Structures are given as structure tokens and as C-alpha cells.
């Protein structure tokens, strides 16, 4: 069952995020099960909304790819996250590319 991940990581900066994005390269080497990723910064924290085919897909990506990059970058702290079953998904017909 598809799930929505809501994640907040206090103290993570845009530079930290970009370091992880470049190191893991999830946009070009997409993790199995990812459907959508949106990230923004507000109130001194990273906020993420993802849609995954299954919670296990994210957990595998986090353990196998993201966590090693976090450790290598010396990033401290932990995200706060919740998973919810997805009820419905709509993608506008004119949405394309990475932005």
C-alpha cells in the first residue's frame, strides 16, 4: 500500500540537504519505490513530503543509502517522521521534470 511520509528535521540546513542530495544522487539513481519527493525549509528545519509505494521502500533507502551519507557528512540529529496510508494521488497533467 502506498504511503505518505511527512518528515521534519530540525537544524538541517539547505547546504546539508544539498550535500546529501549530491552524495546519494537520488534524482538520477532513483530509489526503488519512490513516487514523489518535495522538500522545503521553514522555521529552522527541513520539511519533506514523500509518497512511496511502501513504507519498507523508504526504510530500505534510508538504511542502505541515506544513513551512510548522513554519517559521512557528519550531520547530527535525527528527523521526526510519520507514515500515513495514501488515500488518493493526483498529478497535474502539465507537471514534468525536476525543479
PDB file of N, CA and C in Angstrom:
ATOM      1  N   UNK A   1       0.838  -1.183   0.000  1.00  0.00           N
ATOM      2  CA  UNK A   1       0.000   0.000   0.000  1.00  0.00           C
ATOM      3  C   UNK A   1       0.879   1.241   0.000  1.00  0.00           C
ATOM      4  N   UNK A   2       0.557   2.183  -0.855  1.00  0.00           N
ATOM      5  CA  UNK A   2       1.314   3.432  -0.920  1.00  0.00           C
ATOM      6  C   UNK A   2       1.151   4.218   0.374  1.00  0.00           C
ATOM      7  N   UNK A   3       2.228   4.911   0.754  1.00  0.00           N
ATOM      8  CA  UNK A   3       2.224   5.697   1.986  1.00  0.00           C
ATOM      9  C   UNK A   3       2.742   7.102   1.718  1.00  0.00           C
ATOM     10  N   UNK A   4       2.297   8.020   2.564  1.00  0.00           N
ATOM     11  CA  UNK A   4       2.795   9.391   2.554  1.00  0.00           C
ATOM     12  C   UNK A   4       3.719   9.541   3.751  1.00  0.00           C
ATOM     13  N   UNK A   5       4.928   9.992   3.490  1.00  0.00           N
ATOM     14  CA  UNK A   5       5.905  10.272   4.547  1.00  0.00           C
ATOM     15  C   UNK A   5       5.900  11.766   4.811  1.00  0.00           C
ATOM     16  N   UNK A   6       5.700  12.152   6.055  1.00  0.00           N
ATOM     17  CA  UNK A   6       5.857  13.541   6.487  1.00  0.00           C
ATOM     18  C   UNK A   6       7.063  13.569   7.405  1.00  0.00           C
ATOM     19  N   UNK A   7       8.072  14.343   7.047  1.00  0.00           N
ATOM     20  CA  UNK A   7       9.333  14.347   7.772  1.00  0.00           C
ATOM     21  C   UNK A   7       9.734  15.779   8.085  1.00  0.00           C
ATOM     22  N   UNK A   8      10.183  15.984   9.315  1.00  0.00           N
ATOM     23  CA  UNK A   8      10.743  17.261   9.748  1.00  0.00           C
ATOM     24  C   UNK A   8      12.087  16.968  10.391  1.00  0.00           C
ATOM     25  N   UNK A   9      13.096  17.755  10.005  1.00  0.00           N
ATOM     26  CA  UNK A   9      14.438  17.557  10.568  1.00  0.00           C
ATOM     27  C   UNK A   9      14.940  18.898  11.069  1.00  0.00           C
ATOM     28  N   UNK A  10      14.723  19.188  12.358  1.00  0.00           N
ATOM     29  CA  UNK A  10      15.196  20.456  12.926  1.00  0.00           C
ATOM     30  C   UNK A  10      16.706  20.585  12.791  1.00  0.00           C
ATOM     31  N   UNK A  11      17.147  21.786  12.399  1.00  0.00           N
ATOM     32  CA  UNK A  11      18.571  22.073  12.318  1.00  0.00           C
ATOM     33  C   UNK A  11      19.233  21.695  11.010  1.00  0.00           C
ATOM     34  N   UNK A  12      18.576  20.892  10.168  1.00  0.00           N
ATOM     35  CA  UNK A  12      19.182  20.547   8.887  1.00  0.00           C
ATOM     36  C   UNK A  12      19.080  21.753   7.963  1.00  0.00           C
ATOM     37  N   UNK A  13      20.187  22.128   7.355  1.00  0.00           N
ATOM     38  CA  UNK A  13      20.247  23.341   6.536  1.00  0.00           C
ATOM     39  C   UNK A  13      20.104  23.002   5.050  1.00  0.00           C
ATOM     40  N   UNK A  14      19.841  24.013   4.227  1.00  0.00           N
ATOM     41  CA  UNK A  14      19.843  23.768   2.777  1.00  0.00           C
ATOM     42  C   UNK A  14      21.179  23.205   2.278  1.00  0.00           C
ATOM     43  N   UNK A  15      22.289  23.672   2.847  1.00  0.00           N
ATOM     44  CA  UNK A  15      23.595  23.122   2.457  1.00  0.00           C
ATOM     45  C   UNK A  15      23.698  21.640   2.822  1.00  0.00           C
ATOM     46  N   UNK A  16      23.206  21.266   4.010  1.00  0.00           N
ATOM     47  CA  UNK A  16      23.211  19.851   4.408  1.00  0.00           C
ATOM     48  C   UNK A  16      22.385  19.021   3.428  1.00  0.00           C
ATOM     49  N   UNK A  17      21.196  19.511   3.118  1.00  0.00           N
ATOM     50  CA  UNK A  17      20.303  18.809   2.190  1.00  0.00           C
ATOM     51  C   UNK A  17      20.991  18.615   0.834  1.00  0.00           C
ATOM     52  N   UNK A  18      21.598  19.692   0.313  1.00  0.00           N
ATOM     53  CA  UNK A  18      22.253  19.603  -0.988  1.00  0.00           C
ATOM     54  C   UNK A  18      23.453  18.663  -0.955  1.00  0.00           C
ATOM     55  N   UNK A  19      24.176  18.625   0.160  1.00  0.00           N
ATOM     56  CA  UNK A  19      25.280  17.682   0.317  1.00  0.00           C
ATOM     57  C   UNK A  19      24.765  16.253   0.214  1.00  0.00           C
ATOM     58  N   UNK A  20      23.675  15.960   0.910  1.00  0.00           N
ATOM     59  CA  UNK A  20      23.100  14.616   0.862  1.00  0.00           C
ATOM     60  C   UNK A  20      22.554  14.300  -0.524  1.00  0.00           C
ATOM     61  N   UNK A  21      21.862  15.259  -1.130  1.00  0.00           N
ATOM     62  CA  UNK A  21      21.293  15.047  -2.468  1.00  0.00           C
ATOM     63  C   UNK A  21      22.390  14.731  -3.476  1.00  0.00           C
ATOM     64  N   UNK A  22      23.490  15.477  -3.408  1.00  0.00           N
ATOM     65  CA  UNK A  22      24.600  15.243  -4.330  1.00  0.00           C
ATOM     66  C   UNK A  22      25.300  13.916  -4.055  1.00  0.00           C
ATOM     67  N   UNK A  23      25.465  13.581  -2.790  1.00  0.00           N
ATOM     68  CA  UNK A  23      26.158  12.349  -2.414  1.00  0.00           C
ATOM     69  C   UNK A  23      25.339  11.107  -2.787  1.00  0.00           C
ATOM     70  N   UNK A  24      24.060  11.132  -2.465  1.00  0.00           N
ATOM     71  CA  UNK A  24      23.197   9.965  -2.704  1.00  0.00           C
ATOM     72  C   UNK A  24      22.701   9.934  -4.152  1.00  0.00           C
ATOM     73  N   UNK A  25      22.552  11.099  -4.762  1.00  0.00           N
ATOM     74  CA  UNK A  25      22.128  11.240  -6.162  1.00  0.00           C
ATOM     75  C   UNK A  25      20.786  10.566  -6.428  1.00  0.00           C
ATOM     76  N   UNK A  26      19.828  10.802  -5.513  1.00  0.00           N
ATOM     77  CA  UNK A  26      18.532  10.134  -5.630  1.00  0.00           C
ATOM     78  C   UNK A  26      17.709  10.607  -6.829  1.00  0.00           C
ATOM     79  N   UNK A  27      18.048  11.742  -7.415  1.00  0.00           N
ATOM     80  CA  UNK A  27      17.289  12.196  -8.574  1.00  0.00           C
ATOM     81  C   UNK A  27      17.676  11.429  -9.840  1.00  0.00           C
ATOM     82  N   UNK A  28      18.944  11.031  -9.957  1.00  0.00           N
ATOM     83  CA  UNK A  28      19.398  10.271 -11.118  1.00  0.00           C
ATOM     84  C   UNK A  28      19.397   8.769 -10.871  1.00  0.00           C
ATOM     85  N   UNK A  29      19.727   8.360  -9.669  1.00  0.00           N
ATOM     86  CA  UNK A  29      19.711   6.951  -9.275  1.00  0.00           C
ATOM     87  C   UNK A  29      18.560   6.785  -8.287  1.00  0.00           C
ATOM     88  N   UNK A  30      17.356   6.774  -8.844  1.00  0.00           N
ATOM     89  CA  UNK A  30      16.148   6.836  -8.020  1.00  0.00           C
ATOM     90  C   UNK A  30      15.961   5.575  -7.200  1.00  0.00           C
ATOM     91  N   UNK A  31      15.631   5.763  -5.913  1.00  0.00           N
ATOM     92  CA  UNK A  31      15.414   4.595  -5.064  1.00  0.00           C
ATOM     93  C   UNK A  31      14.152   3.839  -5.480  1.00  0.00           C
ATOM     94  N   UNK A  32      14.201   2.540  -5.319  1.00  0.00           N
ATOM     95  CA  UNK A  32      13.036   1.715  -5.618  1.00  0.00           C
ATOM     96  C   UNK A  32      11.865   2.131  -4.730  1.00  0.00           C
ATOM     97  N   UNK A  33      10.723   2.356  -5.350  1.00  0.00           N
ATOM     98  CA  UNK A  33       9.512   2.644  -4.592  1.00  0.00           C
ATOM     99  C   UNK A  33       9.171   4.111  -4.421  1.00  0.00           C
ATOM    100  N   UNK A  34      10.054   5.030  -4.807  1.00  0.00           N
ATOM    101  CA  UNK A  34       9.745   6.451  -4.656  1.00  0.00           C
ATOM    102  C   UNK A  34       8.750   6.865  -5.743  1.00  0.00           C
ATOM    103  N   UNK A  35       7.776   7.669  -5.356  1.00  0.00           N
ATOM    104  CA  UNK A  35       6.788   8.184  -6.289  1.00  0.00           C
ATOM    105  C   UNK A  35       6.914   9.698  -6.405  1.00  0.00           C
ATOM    106  N   UNK A  36       7.110  10.361  -5.268  1.00  0.00           N
ATOM    107  CA  UNK A  36       7.147  11.821  -5.232  1.00  0.00           C
ATOM    108  C   UNK A  36       8.000  12.275  -4.064  1.00  0.00           C
ATOM    109  N   UNK A  37       8.753  13.348  -4.268  1.00  0.00           N
ATOM    110  CA  UNK A  37       9.549  13.954  -3.194  1.00  0.00           C
ATOM    111  C   UNK A  37       9.426  15.463  -3.303  1.00  0.00           C
ATOM    112  N   UNK A  38       9.045  16.110  -2.215  1.00  0.00           N
ATOM    113  CA  UNK A  38       9.003  17.578  -2.145  1.00  0.00           C
ATOM    114  C   UNK A  38       9.678  17.988  -0.847  1.00  0.00           C
ATOM    115  N   UNK A  39      10.572  18.981  -0.926  1.00  0.00           N
ATOM    116  CA  UNK A  39      11.327  19.427   0.249  1.00  0.00           C
ATOM    117  C   UNK A  39      11.314  20.936   0.320  1.00  0.00           C
ATOM    118  N   UNK A  40      11.271  21.475   1.565  1.00  0.00           N
ATOM    119  CA  UNK A  40      11.335  22.913   1.780  1.00  0.00           C
ATOM    120  C   UNK A  40      11.872  23.179   3.180  1.00  0.00           C
ATOM    121  N   UNK A  41      12.240  24.426   3.412  1.00  0.00           N
ATOM    122  CA  UNK A  41      12.794  24.841   4.702  1.00  0.00           C
ATOM    123  C   UNK A  41      11.899  25.907   5.309  1.00  0.00           C
ATOM    124  N   UNK A  42      11.626  25.748   6.592  1.00  0.00           N
ATOM    125  CA  UNK A  42      10.810  26.712   7.320  1.00  0.00           C
ATOM    126  C   UNK A  42      11.076  26.513   8.810  1.00  0.00           C
ATOM    127  N   UNK A  43      11.180  27.608   9.536  1.00  0.00           N
ATOM    128  CA  UNK A  43      11.351  27.519  10.981  1.00  0.00           C
ATOM    129  C   UNK A  43      12.601  26.793  11.415  1.00  0.00           C
ATOM    130  N   UNK A  44      13.685  26.925  10.646  1.00  0.00           N
ATOM    131  CA  UNK A  44      14.952  26.299  11.024  1.00  0.00           C
ATOM    132  C   UNK A  44      14.975  24.795  10.856  1.00  0.00           C
ATOM    133  N   UNK A  45      14.100  24.267  10.000  1.00  0.00           N
ATOM    134  CA  UNK A  45      14.037  22.819   9.812  1.00  0.00           C
ATOM    135  C   UNK A  45      13.784  22.482   8.350  1.00  0.00           C
ATOM    136  N   UNK A  46      14.247  21.298   7.967  1.00  0.00           N
ATOM    137  CA  UNK A  46      13.895  20.719   6.687  1.00  0.00           C
ATOM    138  C   UNK A  46      12.538  20.054   6.839  1.00  0.00           C
ATOM    139  N   UNK A  47      11.679  20.242   5.852  1.00  0.00           N
ATOM    140  CA  UNK A  47      10.378  19.567   5.805  1.00  0.00           C
ATOM    141  C   UNK A  47      10.311  18.803   4.495  1.00  0.00           C
ATOM    142  N   UNK A  48       9.823  17.573   4.566  1.00  0.00           N
ATOM    143  CA  UNK A  48       9.721  16.724   3.385  1.00  0.00           C
ATOM    144  C   UNK A  48       8.355  16.063   3.369  1.00  0.00           C
ATOM    145  N   UNK A  49       7.771  16.009   2.195  1.00  0.00           N
ATOM    146  CA  UNK A  49       6.609  15.159   1.944  1.00  0.00           C
ATOM    147  C   UNK A  49       6.992  14.243   0.791  1.00  0.00           C
ATOM    148  N   UNK A  50       6.916  12.953   1.040  1.00  0.00           N
ATOM    149  CA  UNK A  50       7.207  11.944   0.034  1.00  0.00           C
ATOM    150  C   UNK A  50       5.996  11.038  -0.131  1.00  0.00           C
ATOM    151  N   UNK A  51       5.891  10.428  -1.287  1.00  0.00           N
ATOM    152  CA  UNK A  51       4.988   9.304  -1.493  1.00  0.00           C
ATOM    153  C   UNK A  51       5.855   8.130  -1.917  1.00  0.00           C
ATOM    154  N   UNK A  52       5.664   7.019  -1.227  1.00  0.00           N
ATOM    155  CA  UNK A  52       6.403   5.784  -1.502  1.00  0.00           C
ATOM    156  C   UNK A  52       5.402   4.666  -1.764  1.00  0.00           C
ATOM    157  N   UNK A  53       5.789   3.693  -2.576  1.00  0.00           N
ATOM    158  CA  UNK A  53       4.914   2.548  -2.820  1.00  0.00           C
ATOM    159  C   UNK A  53       4.648   1.758  -1.542  1.00  0.00           C
ATOM    160  N   UNK A  54       5.640   1.752  -0.640  1.00  0.00           N
ATOM    161  CA  UNK A  54       5.503   1.054   0.639  1.00  0.00           C
ATOM    162  C   UNK A  54       6.478   1.666   1.642  1.00  0.00           C
ATOM    163  N   UNK A  55       6.121   1.618   2.919  1.00  0.00           N
ATOM    164  CA  UNK A  55       6.998   2.150   3.963  1.00  0.00           C
ATOM    165  C   UNK A  55       8.345   1.436   3.942  1.00  0.00           C
ATOM    166  N   UNK A  56       8.328   0.147   3.654  1.00  0.00           N
ATOM    167  CA  UNK A  56       9.577  -0.626   3.618  1.00  0.00           C
ATOM    168  C   UNK A  56      10.536  -0.104   2.552  1.00  0.00           C
ATOM    169  N   UNK A  57      10.002   0.448   1.457  1.00  0.00           N
ATOM    170  CA  UNK A  57      10.866   1.014   0.422  1.00  0.00           C
ATOM    171  C   UNK A  57      11.668   2.189   0.967  1.00  0.00           C
ATOM    172  N   UNK A  58      10.999   3.085   1.702  1.00  0.00           N
ATOM    173  CA  UNK A  58      11.723   4.213   2.304  1.00  0.00           C
ATOM    174  C   UNK A  58      12.718   3.716   3.344  1.00  0.00           C
ATOM    175  N   UNK A  59      12.294   2.801   4.183  1.00  0.00           N
ATOM    176  CA  UNK A  59      13.180   2.312   5.247  1.00  0.00           C
ATOM    177  C   UNK A  59      14.448   1.685   4.666  1.00  0.00           C
ATOM    178  N   UNK A  60      14.313   0.969   3.577  1.00  0.00           N
ATOM    179  CA  UNK A  60      15.485   0.372   2.919  1.00  0.00           C
ATOM    180  C   UNK A  60      16.387   1.472   2.349  1.00  0.00           C
ATOM    181  N   UNK A  61      15.797   2.452   1.660  1.00  0.00           N
ATOM    182  CA  UNK A  61      16.565   3.575   1.122  1.00  0.00           C
ATOM    183  C   UNK A  61      17.293   4.325   2.236  1.00  0.00           C
ATOM    184  N   UNK A  62      16.604   4.585   3.335  1.00  0.00           N
ATOM    185  CA  UNK A  62      17.200   5.315   4.445  1.00  0.00           C
ATOM    186  C   UNK A  62      18.391   4.545   5.017  1.00  0.00           C
ATOM    187  N   UNK A  63      18.203   3.252   5.262  1.00  0.00           N
ATOM    188  CA  UNK A  63      19.267   2.442   5.881  1.00  0.00           C
ATOM    189  C   UNK A  63      20.448   2.206   4.947  1.00  0.00           C
ATOM    190  N   UNK A  64      20.177   1.921   3.691  1.00  0.00           N
ATOM    191  CA  UNK A  64      21.237   1.499   2.781  1.00  0.00           C
ATOM    192  C   UNK A  64      21.943   2.649   2.074  1.00  0.00           C
ATOM    193  N   UNK A  65      21.251   3.748   1.843  1.00  0.00           N
ATOM    194  CA  UNK A  65      21.852   4.824   1.060  1.00  0.00           C
ATOM    195  C   UNK A  65      21.939   6.150   1.812  1.00  0.00           C
ATOM    196  N   UNK A  66      20.857   6.541   2.451  1.00  0.00           N
ATOM    197  CA  UNK A  66      20.843   7.863   3.075  1.00  0.00           C
ATOM    198  C   UNK A  66      21.653   7.901   4.370  1.00  0.00           C
ATOM    199  N   UNK A  67      21.484   6.922   5.240  1.00  0.00           N
ATOM    200  CA  UNK A  67      22.196   6.932   6.520  1.00  0.00           C
ATOM    201  C   UNK A  67      23.713   6.925   6.342  1.00  0.00           C
ATOM    202  N   UNK A  68      24.281   6.116   5.448  1.00  0.00           N
ATOM    203  CA  UNK A  68      25.738   6.200   5.249  1.00  0.00           C
ATOM    204  C   UNK A  68      26.187   7.592   4.807  1.00  0.00           C
ATOM    205  N   UNK A  69      25.409   8.257   3.955  1.00  0.00           N
ATOM    206  CA  UNK A  69      25.769   9.608   3.508  1.00  0.00           C
ATOM    207  C   UNK A  69      25.642  10.616   4.646  1.00  0.00           C
ATOM    208  N   UNK A  70      24.652  10.441   5.499  1.00  0.00           N
ATOM    209  CA  UNK A  70      24.481  11.309   6.669  1.00  0.00           C
ATOM    210  C   UNK A  70      25.700  11.199   7.572  1.00  0.00           C
ATOM    211  N   UNK A  71      26.118   9.979   7.851  1.00  0.00           N
ATOM    212  CA  UNK A  71      27.290   9.751   8.708  1.00  0.00           C
ATOM    213  C   UNK A  71      28.547  10.324   8.072  1.00  0.00           C
ATOM    214  N   UNK A  72      28.722  10.092   6.771  1.00  0.00           N
ATOM    215  CA  UNK A  72      29.912  10.577   6.078  1.00  0.00           C
ATOM    216  C   UNK A  72      29.980  12.102   6.102  1.00  0.00           C
ATOM    217  N   UNK A  73      28.832  12.759   6.007  1.00  0.00           N
ATOM    218  CA  UNK A  73      28.787  14.220   6.005  1.00  0.00           C
ATOM    219  C   UNK A  73      28.906  14.807   7.412  1.00  0.00           C
ATOM    220  N   UNK A  74      28.857  13.960   8.442  1.00  0.00           N
ATOM    221  CA  UNK A  74      28.957  14.444   9.818  1.00  0.00           C
ATOM    222  C   UNK A  74      27.711  15.175  10.282  1.00  0.00           C
ATOM    223  N   UNK A  75      26.577  14.881   9.675  1.00  0.00           N
ATOM    224  CA  UNK A  75      25.315  15.531  10.050  1.00  0.00           C
ATOM    225  C   UNK A  75      24.781  14.866  11.304  1.00  0.00           C
ATOM    226  N   UNK A  76      24.383  15.699  12.260  1.00  0.00           N
ATOM    227  CA  UNK A  76      23.880  15.184  13.524  1.00  0.00           C
ATOM    228  C   UNK A  76      22.379  15.421  13.627  1.00  0.00           C
ATOM    229  N   UNK A  77      21.796  14.837  14.647  1.00  0.00           N
ATOM    230  CA  UNK A  77      20.360  14.955  14.857  1.00  0.00           C
ATOM    231  C   UNK A  77      19.619  13.890  14.079  1.00  0.00           C
ATOM    232  N   UNK A  78      18.335  13.847  14.297  1.00  0.00           N
ATOM    233  CA  UNK A  78      17.505  12.851  13.627  1.00  0.00           C
ATOM    234  C   UNK A  78      16.209  13.491  13.169  1.00  0.00           C
ATOM    235  N   UNK A  79      15.662  12.978  12.075  1.00  0.00           N
ATOM    236  CA  UNK A  79      14.384  13.502  11.623  1.00  0.00           C
ATOM    237  C   UNK A  79      13.231  12.949  12.458  1.00  0.00           C
ATOM    238  N   UNK A  80      12.160  13.714  12.483  1.00  0.00           N
ATOM    239  CA  UNK A  80      10.896  13.247  13.055  1.00  0.00           C
ATOM    240  C   UNK A  80      10.019  12.894  11.867  1.00  0.00           C
ATOM    241  N   UNK A  81       9.494  11.668  11.841  1.00  0.00           N
ATOM    242  CA  UNK A  81       8.733  11.272  10.670  1.00  0.00           C
ATOM    243  C   UNK A  81       7.503  10.465  11.034  1.00  0.00           C
ATOM    244  N   UNK A  82       6.500  10.579  10.165  1.00  0.00           N
ATOM    245  CA  UNK A  82       5.286   9.771  10.296  1.00  0.00           C
ATOM    246  C   UNK A  82       4.916   9.247   8.910  1.00  0.00           C
ATOM    247  N   UNK A  83       4.317   8.092   8.894  1.00  0.00           N
ATOM    248  CA  UNK A  83       3.804   7.484   7.672  1.00  0.00           C
ATOM    249  C   UNK A  83       2.295   7.367   7.792  1.00  0.00           C
ATOM    250  N   UNK A  84       1.613   7.668   6.707  1.00  0.00           N
ATOM    251  CA  UNK A  84       0.160   7.544   6.663  1.00  0.00           C
ATOM    252  C   UNK A  84      -0.212   6.834   5.369  1.00  0.00           C
ATOM    253  N   UNK A  85      -1.247   5.991   5.421  1.00  0.00           N
ATOM    254  CA  UNK A  85      -1.694   5.360   4.183  1.00  0.00           C
ATOM    255  C   UNK A  85      -2.203   6.432   3.218  1.00  0.00           C
ATOM    256  N   UNK A  86      -1.826   6.306   1.963  1.00  0.00           N
ATOM    257  CA  UNK A  86      -2.288   7.270   0.977  1.00  0.00           C
ATOM    258  C   UNK A  86      -3.708   6.904   0.555  1.00  0.00           C
ATOM    259  N   UNK A  87      -4.558   7.894   0.537  1.00  0.00           N
ATOM    260  CA  UNK A  87      -5.937   7.669   0.108  1.00  0.00           C
ATOM    261  C   UNK A  87      -6.088   7.882  -1.392  1.00  0.00           C
ATOM    262  N   UNK A  88      -5.489   8.941  -1.904  1.00  0.00           N
ATOM    263  CA  UNK A  88      -5.657   9.282  -3.324  1.00  0.00           C
ATOM    264  C   UNK A  88      -4.460  10.090  -3.776  1.00  0.00           C
ATOM    265  N   UNK A  89      -4.094   9.922  -5.022  1.00  0.00           N
ATOM    266  CA  UNK A  89      -2.993  10.681  -5.602  1.00  0.00           C
ATOM    267  C   UNK A  89      -3.480  11.327  -6.893  1.00  0.00           C
ATOM    268  N   UNK A  90      -3.124  12.577  -7.078  1.00  0.00           N
ATOM    269  CA  UNK A  90      -3.434  13.313  -8.297  1.00  0.00           C
ATOM    270  C   UNK A  90      -2.180  14.040  -8.734  1.00  0.00           C
ATOM    271  N   UNK A  91      -1.806  13.894  -9.976  1.00  0.00           N
ATOM    272  CA  UNK A  91      -0.661  14.594 -10.526  1.00  0.00           C
ATOM    273  C   UNK A  91      -1.179  15.415 -11.707  1.00  0.00           C
ATOM    274  N   UNK A  92      -0.977  16.708 -11.657  1.00  0.00           N
ATOM    275  CA  UNK A  92      -1.448  17.581 -12.724  1.00  0.00           C
ATOM    276  C   UNK A  92      -0.803  17.185 -14.048  1.00  0.00           C
ATOM    277  N   UNK A  93      -1.558  17.256 -15.112  1.00  0.00           N
ATOM    278  CA  UNK A  93      -1.110  16.769 -16.409  1.00  0.00           C
ATOM    279  C   UNK A  93       0.073  17.539 -16.974  1.00  0.00           C
ATOM    280  N   UNK A  94       0.275  18.775 -16.557  1.00  0.00           N
ATOM    281  CA  UNK A  94       1.371  19.586 -17.112  1.00  0.00           C
ATOM    282  C   UNK A  94       2.638  19.545 -16.262  1.00  0.00           C
ATOM    283  N   UNK A  95       2.673  18.703 -15.234  1.00  0.00           N
ATOM    284  CA  UNK A  95       3.843  18.600 -14.373  1.00  0.00           C
ATOM    285  C   UNK A  95       4.858  17.677 -15.034  1.00  0.00           C
ATOM    286  N   UNK A  96       6.101  18.169 -15.144  1.00  0.00           N
ATOM    287  CA  UNK A  96       7.171  17.349 -15.684  1.00  0.00           C
ATOM    288  C   UNK A  96       8.505  17.849 -15.169  1.00  0.00           C
ATOM    289  N   UNK A  97       9.510  17.013 -15.262  1.00  0.00           N
ATOM    290  CA  UNK A  97      10.860  17.426 -14.911  1.00  0.00           C
ATOM    291  C   UNK A  97      11.102  17.552 -13.429  1.00  0.00           C
ATOM    292  N   UNK A  98      12.303  17.999 -13.124  1.00  0.00           N
ATOM    293  CA  UNK A  98      12.756  18.181 -11.750  1.00  0.00           C
ATOM    294  C   UNK A  98      12.890  19.657 -11.511  1.00  0.00           C
ATOM    295  N   UNK A  99      12.458  20.113 -10.347  1.00  0.00           N
ATOM    296  CA  UNK A  99      12.578  21.539 -10.082  1.00  0.00           C
ATOM    297  C   UNK A  99      12.891  21.849  -8.676  1.00  0.00           C
TER     298      UNK A  99
END
